[in-house]
N, C-alpha and C. Protein backbone atom coordinates (compact mmCIF):
# COMPACT_ATOMS: atom_id res chain seq x y z
N MET A 1 71.54 72.48 123.30
CA MET A 1 72.38 72.34 124.29
C MET A 1 72.03 73.36 125.49
N ASP A 2 72.03 73.02 126.74
CA ASP A 2 71.53 74.04 127.83
C ASP A 2 72.95 74.45 128.47
N HIS A 3 73.04 75.99 128.00
CA HIS A 3 74.29 76.62 128.48
C HIS A 3 74.22 76.96 129.99
N ARG A 4 73.10 76.90 130.48
CA ARG A 4 72.90 77.24 132.02
C ARG A 4 73.50 76.16 133.02
N THR A 5 73.83 75.14 132.55
CA THR A 5 73.97 73.80 133.56
C THR A 5 75.64 73.35 133.53
N SER A 6 76.38 73.99 132.56
CA SER A 6 77.71 73.48 132.32
C SER A 6 78.59 74.12 133.42
N ASP A 7 79.67 73.51 133.53
CA ASP A 7 80.64 74.02 134.63
C ASP A 7 81.31 75.51 134.16
N GLU A 8 81.03 75.65 132.83
CA GLU A 8 81.35 76.99 132.39
C GLU A 8 80.30 78.07 132.92
N ALA A 9 79.13 77.59 132.73
CA ALA A 9 78.13 78.41 133.39
C ALA A 9 78.13 78.83 134.85
N GLU A 10 78.74 77.59 135.84
CA GLU A 10 78.99 77.81 137.09
C GLU A 10 79.98 78.95 137.29
N LEU A 11 81.00 78.83 136.42
CA LEU A 11 82.09 79.76 136.55
C LEU A 11 81.88 81.19 136.23
N VAL A 12 80.76 81.38 135.33
CA VAL A 12 80.30 82.75 134.99
C VAL A 12 79.56 83.25 136.25
N ARG A 13 78.68 82.33 136.63
CA ARG A 13 77.79 82.79 137.91
C ARG A 13 78.71 83.31 139.02
N ARG A 14 79.94 82.69 139.35
CA ARG A 14 80.71 83.19 140.31
C ARG A 14 81.42 84.39 140.11
N VAL A 15 81.85 84.64 138.68
CA VAL A 15 82.38 85.95 138.37
C VAL A 15 81.26 86.99 138.50
N GLN A 16 80.12 86.75 138.03
CA GLN A 16 78.96 87.65 138.31
C GLN A 16 78.58 88.11 139.70
N ALA A 17 79.03 87.03 140.60
CA ALA A 17 78.77 87.29 141.97
C ALA A 17 80.16 88.15 142.61
N GLY A 18 81.10 88.43 141.65
CA GLY A 18 82.28 89.23 142.20
C GLY A 18 83.45 88.38 142.65
N ASP A 19 83.52 87.11 142.21
CA ASP A 19 84.59 86.08 142.46
C ASP A 19 85.74 86.46 141.52
N GLU A 20 86.85 87.08 141.97
CA GLU A 20 87.91 87.43 141.15
C GLU A 20 88.71 86.22 140.64
N ALA A 21 88.82 85.11 141.46
CA ALA A 21 89.64 83.96 141.23
C ALA A 21 88.86 83.35 139.89
N ALA A 22 87.55 83.29 140.08
CA ALA A 22 86.81 82.56 138.80
C ALA A 22 87.04 83.38 137.49
N PHE A 23 87.12 84.70 137.69
CA PHE A 23 87.64 85.56 136.48
C PHE A 23 88.97 84.97 135.84
N ARG A 24 89.94 85.03 137.03
CA ARG A 24 91.31 84.51 136.42
C ARG A 24 91.28 83.13 135.80
N GLU A 25 90.35 82.43 136.21
CA GLU A 25 90.40 81.02 135.74
C GLU A 25 89.75 81.23 134.18
N ILE A 26 88.73 81.98 134.00
CA ILE A 26 88.23 82.28 132.63
C ILE A 26 89.25 82.62 131.88
N VAL A 27 90.17 83.54 132.31
CA VAL A 27 91.37 84.27 131.48
C VAL A 27 92.32 83.02 131.00
N GLU A 28 92.58 82.28 132.07
CA GLU A 28 93.56 81.07 131.91
C GLU A 28 92.95 80.14 130.84
N ARG A 29 91.77 79.79 130.97
CA ARG A 29 90.97 78.76 130.13
C ARG A 29 90.95 79.30 128.72
N TYR A 30 90.67 80.62 128.52
CA TYR A 30 90.54 81.25 126.93
C TYR A 30 91.43 81.98 126.37
N GLN A 31 92.49 82.44 127.08
CA GLN A 31 93.32 83.54 126.63
C GLN A 31 94.26 82.92 125.29
N SER A 32 94.63 81.50 125.37
CA SER A 32 95.19 81.18 124.12
C SER A 32 94.26 81.11 122.94
N LYS A 33 93.07 80.71 123.17
CA LYS A 33 92.10 80.67 122.04
C LYS A 33 91.90 82.24 121.46
N VAL A 34 91.66 83.15 122.53
CA VAL A 34 91.42 84.61 122.10
C VAL A 34 92.83 84.99 121.32
N PHE A 35 93.85 84.57 121.84
CA PHE A 35 95.23 85.11 121.10
C PHE A 35 95.16 84.56 119.58
N SER A 36 95.01 83.31 119.61
CA SER A 36 95.01 82.72 118.15
C SER A 36 93.79 83.37 117.18
N ILE A 37 92.73 83.58 117.71
CA ILE A 37 91.72 84.11 116.87
C ILE A 37 92.13 85.60 116.45
N ILE A 38 92.83 86.36 117.39
CA ILE A 38 93.20 87.83 117.02
C ILE A 38 94.29 87.78 115.98
N TYR A 39 95.30 86.81 116.30
CA TYR A 39 96.54 86.49 115.51
C TYR A 39 96.09 86.13 114.04
N GLY A 40 95.06 85.24 113.96
CA GLY A 40 94.67 84.68 112.70
C GLY A 40 94.01 85.83 111.81
N ILE A 41 93.46 86.81 112.38
CA ILE A 41 92.79 88.01 111.77
C ILE A 41 93.92 89.21 111.51
N LEU A 42 94.94 89.41 112.46
CA LEU A 42 95.84 90.66 112.30
C LEU A 42 97.09 90.22 111.97
N ARG A 43 97.49 89.01 112.19
CA ARG A 43 98.87 88.37 111.82
C ARG A 43 99.98 89.36 112.59
N SER A 44 99.83 89.88 113.57
CA SER A 44 100.91 90.65 114.50
C SER A 44 100.71 90.17 115.92
N HIS A 45 101.94 89.76 116.37
CA HIS A 45 101.82 89.17 117.98
C HIS A 45 101.77 90.51 118.82
N ASN A 46 102.29 91.58 118.65
CA ASN A 46 102.27 92.75 119.47
C ASN A 46 100.67 93.32 119.49
N ASP A 47 100.05 93.39 118.42
CA ASP A 47 98.73 93.73 118.37
C ASP A 47 97.63 92.90 119.12
N ALA A 48 98.21 91.45 118.74
CA ALA A 48 97.37 90.46 119.38
C ALA A 48 97.23 90.70 120.95
N GLU A 49 98.48 90.80 121.47
CA GLU A 49 98.66 90.94 122.92
C GLU A 49 97.79 92.16 123.49
N ASP A 50 97.93 93.24 122.69
CA ASP A 50 97.17 94.40 123.26
C ASP A 50 95.60 94.25 123.16
N ILE A 51 95.22 93.54 122.04
CA ILE A 51 93.90 93.34 121.83
C ILE A 51 93.30 92.31 122.79
N ALA A 52 94.08 91.42 123.01
CA ALA A 52 93.74 90.36 124.00
C ALA A 52 93.25 90.95 125.41
N GLN A 53 94.12 91.79 125.84
CA GLN A 53 94.08 92.52 127.07
C GLN A 53 92.68 93.18 126.95
N GLN A 54 92.46 93.99 125.84
CA GLN A 54 91.30 94.78 125.78
C GLN A 54 89.94 93.73 125.71
N VAL A 55 90.21 92.65 125.31
CA VAL A 55 89.01 91.79 125.16
C VAL A 55 88.66 91.19 126.45
N PHE A 56 89.70 90.81 127.34
CA PHE A 56 89.33 90.38 128.64
C PHE A 56 88.80 91.53 129.60
N SER A 57 89.30 92.77 129.25
CA SER A 57 88.89 94.05 129.95
C SER A 57 87.50 93.99 129.86
N LYS A 58 86.90 93.85 128.34
CA LYS A 58 85.52 94.06 128.07
C LYS A 58 84.64 92.75 128.72
N VAL A 59 85.40 91.66 128.70
CA VAL A 59 84.72 90.50 129.38
C VAL A 59 84.34 90.76 130.65
N TYR A 60 85.34 91.28 131.41
CA TYR A 60 85.27 91.52 133.00
C TYR A 60 84.08 92.52 133.13
N PHE A 61 84.05 93.46 132.41
CA PHE A 61 83.03 94.56 132.58
C PHE A 61 81.58 94.19 132.01
N SER A 62 81.59 93.22 131.17
CA SER A 62 80.39 93.01 130.44
C SER A 62 79.63 91.53 130.84
N ILE A 63 80.32 90.95 131.75
CA ILE A 63 79.91 89.49 132.00
C ILE A 63 78.68 89.44 132.81
N LYS A 64 78.52 90.60 133.46
CA LYS A 64 77.37 90.66 134.47
C LYS A 64 76.01 90.68 133.56
N ASN A 65 76.07 90.98 132.24
CA ASN A 65 75.00 90.96 131.19
C ASN A 65 75.07 89.63 130.52
N PHE A 66 75.86 88.66 130.55
CA PHE A 66 75.89 87.49 130.01
C PHE A 66 74.56 86.72 130.37
N ASP A 67 73.92 86.28 129.29
CA ASP A 67 72.56 85.73 129.48
C ASP A 67 72.37 84.29 129.29
N PHE A 68 73.35 83.51 128.97
CA PHE A 68 73.53 82.00 128.78
C PHE A 68 72.79 81.60 127.58
N ARG A 69 72.58 82.38 126.75
CA ARG A 69 71.91 81.99 125.52
C ARG A 69 72.89 81.28 124.41
N SER A 70 74.16 81.58 124.69
CA SER A 70 75.19 80.91 124.00
C SER A 70 76.19 80.37 124.85
N SER A 71 77.32 79.77 124.29
CA SER A 71 78.19 79.24 125.26
C SER A 71 79.13 80.49 125.50
N LEU A 72 79.85 80.37 126.57
CA LEU A 72 80.87 81.49 127.01
C LEU A 72 81.83 81.58 125.87
N LEU A 73 82.25 80.73 125.27
CA LEU A 73 83.35 80.81 124.06
C LEU A 73 82.82 81.50 123.00
N THR A 74 81.70 81.19 122.70
CA THR A 74 80.99 82.07 121.55
C THR A 74 80.76 83.43 121.77
N TRP A 75 80.46 83.72 123.13
CA TRP A 75 80.23 85.09 123.51
C TRP A 75 81.61 85.90 123.42
N ILE A 76 82.50 85.17 123.78
CA ILE A 76 83.96 85.83 124.03
C ILE A 76 84.50 85.89 122.56
N TYR A 77 84.24 84.93 121.66
CA TYR A 77 84.53 85.12 120.28
C TYR A 77 84.15 86.17 119.65
N LYS A 78 82.78 86.56 119.72
CA LYS A 78 82.11 87.73 119.22
C LYS A 78 82.98 88.88 119.65
N ILE A 79 83.22 89.07 120.98
CA ILE A 79 83.79 90.23 121.51
C ILE A 79 85.22 90.20 120.84
N THR A 80 86.01 89.28 120.89
CA THR A 80 87.18 89.26 119.96
C THR A 80 87.18 89.81 118.77
N VAL A 81 86.38 89.13 117.97
CA VAL A 81 86.21 89.59 116.55
C VAL A 81 85.80 91.04 116.29
N ASN A 82 84.85 91.38 117.16
CA ASN A 82 84.47 92.98 117.29
C ASN A 82 85.66 93.90 117.43
N GLU A 83 86.46 93.44 118.44
CA GLU A 83 87.59 94.31 118.89
C GLU A 83 88.71 94.38 117.81
N CYS A 84 88.88 93.14 117.05
CA CYS A 84 89.69 93.18 115.72
C CYS A 84 89.12 94.16 114.63
N TYR A 85 87.88 94.12 114.50
CA TYR A 85 87.24 95.03 113.58
C TYR A 85 87.47 96.30 113.87
N ASP A 86 87.21 96.72 115.16
CA ASP A 86 87.26 98.12 115.63
C ASP A 86 88.69 98.59 115.45
N TYR A 87 89.59 97.59 115.78
CA TYR A 87 91.06 98.10 115.71
C TYR A 87 91.47 98.35 114.21
N LEU A 88 90.97 97.49 113.20
CA LEU A 88 91.13 97.77 111.80
C LEU A 88 90.52 98.91 111.30
N ARG A 89 89.50 99.20 111.72
CA ARG A 89 88.86 100.36 111.43
C ARG A 89 89.57 101.69 111.89
N LYS A 90 90.20 101.69 112.99
CA LYS A 90 90.91 102.76 113.59
C LYS A 90 92.20 102.87 112.94
N ARG A 91 92.72 101.89 112.54
CA ARG A 91 94.06 101.79 111.77
C ARG A 91 93.92 102.05 110.13
N LYS A 92 92.58 102.09 109.89
CA LYS A 92 92.28 102.31 108.29
C LYS A 92 92.72 101.24 107.40
N VAL A 93 92.92 100.04 108.05
CA VAL A 93 93.47 98.96 107.38
C VAL A 93 94.70 99.08 106.40
N ARG A 94 94.83 100.08 105.54
CA ARG A 94 95.78 100.51 104.68
C ARG A 94 97.06 100.54 105.09
N LYS A 95 97.06 101.08 106.51
CA LYS A 95 98.37 101.15 107.06
C LYS A 95 99.09 99.94 107.61
N LEU A 96 98.34 98.80 107.50
CA LEU A 96 98.95 97.71 107.99
C LEU A 96 99.41 96.70 107.05
N VAL A 97 100.83 96.67 107.36
CA VAL A 97 101.44 95.54 106.32
C VAL A 97 102.05 94.52 107.20
N TYR A 98 101.60 93.25 106.64
CA TYR A 98 101.88 92.02 107.44
C TYR A 98 103.27 91.49 107.11
N GLU A 99 104.26 91.50 107.84
CA GLU A 99 105.57 90.94 107.30
C GLU A 99 105.52 89.63 107.18
N SER A 100 104.45 88.79 107.53
CA SER A 100 104.33 87.39 107.25
C SER A 100 104.28 87.11 105.79
N GLU A 101 103.78 88.13 104.97
CA GLU A 101 103.57 87.91 103.56
C GLU A 101 104.82 88.11 102.66
N PHE A 102 105.87 88.33 103.31
CA PHE A 102 107.09 88.66 102.70
C PHE A 102 108.24 87.79 103.31
N THR A 103 109.01 87.06 102.41
CA THR A 103 110.22 86.56 102.75
C THR A 103 111.42 87.50 103.03
N GLU A 104 112.38 87.02 103.63
CA GLU A 104 113.67 87.90 103.71
C GLU A 104 114.16 88.28 102.55
N ASP A 105 114.29 87.45 101.54
CA ASP A 105 114.84 87.67 100.19
C ASP A 105 113.94 88.77 99.57
N GLU A 106 112.61 88.56 99.61
CA GLU A 106 111.75 89.54 98.92
C GLU A 106 111.70 90.84 99.52
N SER A 107 112.04 90.87 101.00
CA SER A 107 112.32 92.22 101.53
C SER A 107 113.53 92.81 101.15
N GLN A 108 114.46 92.27 101.03
CA GLN A 108 116.00 92.63 100.47
C GLN A 108 115.60 93.11 98.86
N ARG A 109 115.06 92.49 98.17
CA ARG A 109 114.73 92.79 96.78
C ARG A 109 113.86 93.89 96.68
N LEU A 110 112.91 94.18 97.62
CA LEU A 110 112.22 95.41 97.59
C LEU A 110 112.93 96.72 97.97
N LYS A 111 113.82 96.44 98.84
CA LYS A 111 114.66 97.42 99.40
C LYS A 111 115.54 97.87 98.15
N ALA A 112 116.15 96.98 97.46
CA ALA A 112 117.00 97.24 96.18
C ALA A 112 116.39 97.65 95.14
N GLY A 113 115.04 97.63 94.91
CA GLY A 113 114.29 97.87 93.91
C GLY A 113 114.30 96.98 92.92
N GLU A 114 114.65 95.64 93.15
CA GLU A 114 114.79 94.58 92.11
C GLU A 114 113.41 93.97 92.12
N PRO A 115 112.96 93.41 90.83
CA PRO A 115 111.69 92.57 90.74
C PRO A 115 112.04 91.21 91.27
N GLY A 116 111.08 90.66 91.93
CA GLY A 116 111.10 89.26 92.44
C GLY A 116 111.04 88.25 91.34
N ARG A 117 111.30 86.81 91.59
CA ARG A 117 111.40 86.02 90.43
C ARG A 117 110.06 85.86 89.64
N ASP A 118 108.81 86.17 90.41
CA ASP A 118 107.63 86.24 89.85
C ASP A 118 106.98 87.55 89.98
N GLN A 119 107.61 88.45 90.15
CA GLN A 119 107.28 89.82 90.32
C GLN A 119 106.10 89.95 91.12
N ALA A 120 106.24 90.05 92.41
CA ALA A 120 105.44 90.17 93.53
C ALA A 120 104.43 91.37 93.33
N PRO A 121 103.12 91.32 93.51
CA PRO A 121 102.26 92.39 93.19
C PRO A 121 102.68 93.55 94.31
N PRO A 122 102.45 94.96 93.61
CA PRO A 122 102.65 96.16 94.46
C PRO A 122 102.11 96.02 95.70
N ILE A 123 102.83 96.59 96.84
CA ILE A 123 102.27 96.57 98.20
C ILE A 123 100.78 97.18 98.11
N ASP A 124 100.47 98.27 97.19
CA ASP A 124 99.18 98.84 97.16
C ASP A 124 98.17 97.88 96.84
N ASP A 125 98.42 97.08 95.98
CA ASP A 125 97.63 95.91 95.34
C ASP A 125 97.18 94.96 96.65
N VAL A 126 98.31 94.55 97.36
CA VAL A 126 98.20 93.64 98.36
C VAL A 126 97.10 94.17 99.58
N LEU A 127 97.28 95.46 99.91
CA LEU A 127 96.60 96.24 100.98
C LEU A 127 95.25 96.31 100.20
N ALA A 128 94.89 96.68 99.14
CA ALA A 128 93.75 96.86 98.46
C ALA A 128 92.85 95.76 98.52
N ARG A 129 93.59 94.50 98.32
CA ARG A 129 92.82 93.08 98.29
C ARG A 129 92.42 92.91 99.74
N ARG A 130 93.10 93.09 100.84
CA ARG A 130 92.95 93.00 102.13
C ARG A 130 91.62 94.01 102.58
N ASP A 131 91.87 95.20 102.08
CA ASP A 131 90.72 96.10 102.43
C ASP A 131 89.44 95.52 101.74
N LEU A 132 89.35 95.03 100.50
CA LEU A 132 88.39 94.40 99.86
C LEU A 132 87.84 93.40 100.63
N ALA A 133 88.65 92.35 101.22
CA ALA A 133 88.13 91.29 101.99
C ALA A 133 87.36 91.72 103.14
N LEU A 134 87.77 92.84 103.81
CA LEU A 134 87.17 93.36 105.17
C LEU A 134 85.96 93.95 104.66
N LYS A 135 85.70 94.74 103.71
CA LYS A 135 84.56 95.22 103.28
C LYS A 135 83.51 94.29 102.92
N LEU A 136 84.00 93.12 102.22
CA LEU A 136 83.10 92.17 101.86
C LEU A 136 82.50 91.30 103.16
N LEU A 137 83.34 91.21 103.97
CA LEU A 137 82.85 90.43 105.39
C LEU A 137 81.97 91.44 105.94
N ALA A 138 82.26 92.73 105.96
CA ALA A 138 81.36 93.52 106.73
C ALA A 138 79.94 93.62 106.26
N ARG A 139 79.76 93.23 104.98
CA ARG A 139 78.36 93.22 104.37
C ARG A 139 77.75 91.89 104.95
N LEU A 140 78.27 90.86 105.46
CA LEU A 140 77.76 89.69 105.97
C LEU A 140 76.96 89.86 107.25
N PRO A 141 75.84 89.25 107.47
CA PRO A 141 75.07 89.20 108.80
C PRO A 141 76.08 88.79 109.96
N ALA A 142 76.18 89.18 110.98
CA ALA A 142 77.08 88.94 112.15
C ALA A 142 77.24 87.40 112.27
N GLU A 143 76.09 86.54 112.34
CA GLU A 143 76.27 85.22 112.53
C GLU A 143 76.99 84.42 111.49
N GLU A 144 76.66 84.77 110.26
CA GLU A 144 77.32 84.25 109.01
C GLU A 144 78.74 84.53 109.01
N ARG A 145 79.06 85.96 109.36
CA ARG A 145 80.42 86.33 109.16
C ARG A 145 81.32 85.58 110.40
N ASP A 146 80.72 85.22 111.57
CA ASP A 146 81.45 84.73 112.75
C ASP A 146 81.49 83.31 112.41
N LEU A 147 80.64 82.55 111.70
CA LEU A 147 80.80 81.18 111.30
C LEU A 147 81.85 80.98 110.45
N LEU A 148 81.78 81.80 109.41
CA LEU A 148 82.90 81.69 108.11
C LEU A 148 84.28 82.26 108.67
N LEU A 149 84.41 82.96 109.70
CA LEU A 149 85.83 83.17 110.17
C LEU A 149 86.25 82.12 111.07
N LEU A 150 85.17 81.46 111.90
CA LEU A 150 85.79 80.28 112.76
C LEU A 150 85.96 79.19 111.78
N LYS A 151 85.42 79.12 110.77
CA LYS A 151 85.59 77.74 109.78
C LYS A 151 87.06 78.07 109.04
N GLU A 152 87.19 79.46 108.38
CA GLU A 152 88.17 79.51 107.32
C GLU A 152 89.31 80.19 108.18
N VAL A 153 89.39 81.07 109.11
CA VAL A 153 90.48 81.52 109.84
C VAL A 153 91.00 80.62 110.76
N GLU A 154 89.98 80.35 111.72
CA GLU A 154 90.32 79.31 112.84
C GLU A 154 90.52 78.00 112.73
N GLY A 155 89.83 77.55 111.44
CA GLY A 155 89.96 76.05 111.03
C GLY A 155 89.12 74.90 111.73
N HIS A 156 88.10 75.54 112.23
CA HIS A 156 87.30 74.52 113.03
C HIS A 156 86.39 73.77 112.13
N SER A 157 86.15 72.41 112.51
CA SER A 157 85.31 71.68 111.75
C SER A 157 83.87 72.01 111.81
N ILE A 158 82.91 71.59 111.18
CA ILE A 158 81.44 71.69 111.16
C ILE A 158 81.07 71.13 112.53
N GLU A 159 81.60 70.05 112.92
CA GLU A 159 81.15 69.38 114.10
C GLU A 159 81.46 70.26 115.41
N GLU A 160 82.78 70.95 115.46
CA GLU A 160 83.15 72.03 116.53
C GLU A 160 82.28 73.01 116.62
N LEU A 161 81.89 73.52 115.20
CA LEU A 161 81.10 74.78 115.16
C LEU A 161 79.86 74.46 115.83
N ALA A 162 79.09 73.22 115.51
CA ALA A 162 77.74 72.96 116.00
C ALA A 162 78.00 72.99 117.54
N GLU A 163 79.05 72.42 118.18
CA GLU A 163 79.06 72.12 119.50
C GLU A 163 79.38 73.67 120.29
N MET A 164 80.00 74.39 119.66
CA MET A 164 80.35 75.85 120.09
C MET A 164 79.21 76.61 120.04
N THR A 165 78.34 76.69 118.91
CA THR A 165 77.15 77.55 118.67
C THR A 165 76.00 77.01 119.08
N GLY A 166 75.64 75.77 119.25
CA GLY A 166 74.53 74.96 119.65
C GLY A 166 73.66 74.99 118.31
N ILE A 167 74.10 75.30 117.18
CA ILE A 167 73.34 75.27 115.92
C ILE A 167 73.65 73.81 115.38
N ASN A 168 72.63 73.32 114.54
CA ASN A 168 72.84 71.96 114.12
C ASN A 168 73.71 71.96 112.76
N GLU A 169 74.36 70.87 112.63
CA GLU A 169 75.50 70.77 111.59
C GLU A 169 74.84 71.17 110.14
N ASN A 170 73.62 70.64 109.86
CA ASN A 170 73.05 70.96 108.52
C ASN A 170 72.94 72.42 108.41
N THR A 171 72.26 73.08 109.51
CA THR A 171 72.15 74.53 109.32
C THR A 171 73.38 75.40 109.12
N ILE A 172 74.52 74.92 110.01
CA ILE A 172 75.74 75.50 109.67
C ILE A 172 76.32 75.50 108.28
N LYS A 173 76.03 74.33 107.68
CA LYS A 173 76.45 74.07 106.31
C LYS A 173 75.52 75.11 105.45
N VAL A 174 74.42 75.16 105.56
CA VAL A 174 73.62 76.03 104.72
C VAL A 174 74.08 77.50 105.09
N LYS A 175 74.17 77.95 106.25
CA LYS A 175 74.64 79.36 106.45
C LYS A 175 76.05 79.50 105.90
N LEU A 176 77.06 78.81 105.99
CA LEU A 176 78.40 78.77 105.40
C LEU A 176 78.12 78.87 103.79
N PHE A 177 77.31 78.08 103.33
CA PHE A 177 77.22 78.12 101.77
C PHE A 177 76.59 79.50 101.45
N ARG A 178 75.49 80.05 102.35
CA ARG A 178 74.88 81.29 101.83
C ARG A 178 75.92 82.44 102.14
N ALA A 179 76.78 82.32 103.05
CA ALA A 179 77.74 83.39 103.47
C ALA A 179 78.75 83.37 102.30
N ARG A 180 79.10 82.32 101.70
CA ARG A 180 80.18 82.23 100.57
C ARG A 180 79.55 82.86 99.27
N GLN A 181 78.22 82.50 99.08
CA GLN A 181 77.55 83.03 98.06
C GLN A 181 77.31 84.55 98.00
N LYS A 182 77.17 84.97 99.16
CA LYS A 182 77.06 86.56 99.29
C LYS A 182 78.35 87.30 99.13
N LEU A 183 79.41 86.73 99.64
CA LEU A 183 80.76 87.30 99.60
C LEU A 183 80.91 87.18 97.91
N PHE A 184 80.62 86.20 97.25
CA PHE A 184 81.13 86.12 95.77
C PHE A 184 80.21 87.19 95.09
N LYS A 185 79.06 87.32 95.31
CA LYS A 185 78.23 88.42 94.75
C LYS A 185 78.55 89.60 94.98
N ALA A 186 78.92 90.02 96.31
CA ALA A 186 79.38 91.33 96.74
C ALA A 186 80.53 91.44 95.93
N ALA A 187 81.47 90.67 95.81
CA ALA A 187 82.85 90.78 95.05
C ALA A 187 82.48 91.06 93.52
N GLN A 188 81.66 90.52 93.07
CA GLN A 188 81.33 90.67 91.67
C GLN A 188 80.72 92.15 91.39
N ARG A 189 79.79 92.60 92.35
CA ARG A 189 79.33 93.88 92.39
C ARG A 189 80.28 94.94 92.40
N LEU A 190 81.41 94.81 93.41
CA LEU A 190 82.48 95.69 93.60
C LEU A 190 83.40 95.83 92.43
N ALA A 191 83.58 94.60 91.85
CA ALA A 191 84.58 94.63 90.56
C ALA A 191 83.87 95.14 89.42
N ARG A 192 82.66 95.50 89.38
CA ARG A 192 82.08 96.00 88.18
C ARG A 192 82.54 97.52 87.98
N PRO A 193 82.89 97.96 86.67
CA PRO A 193 83.15 99.43 86.54
C PRO A 193 82.00 100.31 86.92
N THR A 194 82.48 101.51 87.34
CA THR A 194 81.28 102.30 87.69
C THR A 194 80.48 102.77 86.43
N PRO A 195 79.13 102.82 86.52
CA PRO A 195 78.34 103.08 85.37
C PRO A 195 78.77 104.48 84.84
N GLY A 196 78.59 104.64 83.43
CA GLY A 196 79.00 106.01 83.17
C GLY A 196 80.43 106.40 82.96
N MET A 197 81.48 105.46 83.28
CA MET A 197 82.76 105.61 83.05
C MET A 197 83.24 105.08 81.47
N ALA A 198 83.99 105.82 80.93
CA ALA A 198 84.24 105.36 79.64
C ALA A 198 85.02 104.20 79.52
N ALA A 199 84.75 103.48 78.47
CA ALA A 199 85.45 102.05 78.39
C ALA A 199 86.93 102.42 77.86
N GLY A 200 87.77 101.64 78.45
CA GLY A 200 89.25 101.84 77.91
C GLY A 200 89.56 101.28 76.65
């Protein structure tokens, strides 16, 4: 797919030439997609709004370097995911608690110190699992990580991924398979007890 001849490419060239109206058009075209990507990773509306502003600020100042090797959406997606990871690193992940994980009843029980019906895992365990997931994702090559997030977090089909990235469908399936295998193996390695520790 030639990314230099689309109407999207024409829009980029106008922005690169200093056309502010063209940049506003890019924001209007992609802001809901950017917001949904951020919300899918962070699960926080306030954080998503702040980071979306940072993403488009970065797009504005970096678009002069856009080289048309990918679609504009793929390029913006990568900036968005990177901003999310930067944010999570700064917040140290463990400080984040997503209220979407708890119902109002569970929240009241937690305050009252009562166990839930199925004894929800301690909050430290929830955060530790989220921290582990981020560590595992960080071990994947950027392209495989992006494809996995687009598929699993954003819910795109293989056909949509092929259209967005310019990679053929079979190659995407192979890359997703490899990414999942790497995550599984990395999880096994991290789950092993540290050598030299006494067995319980």
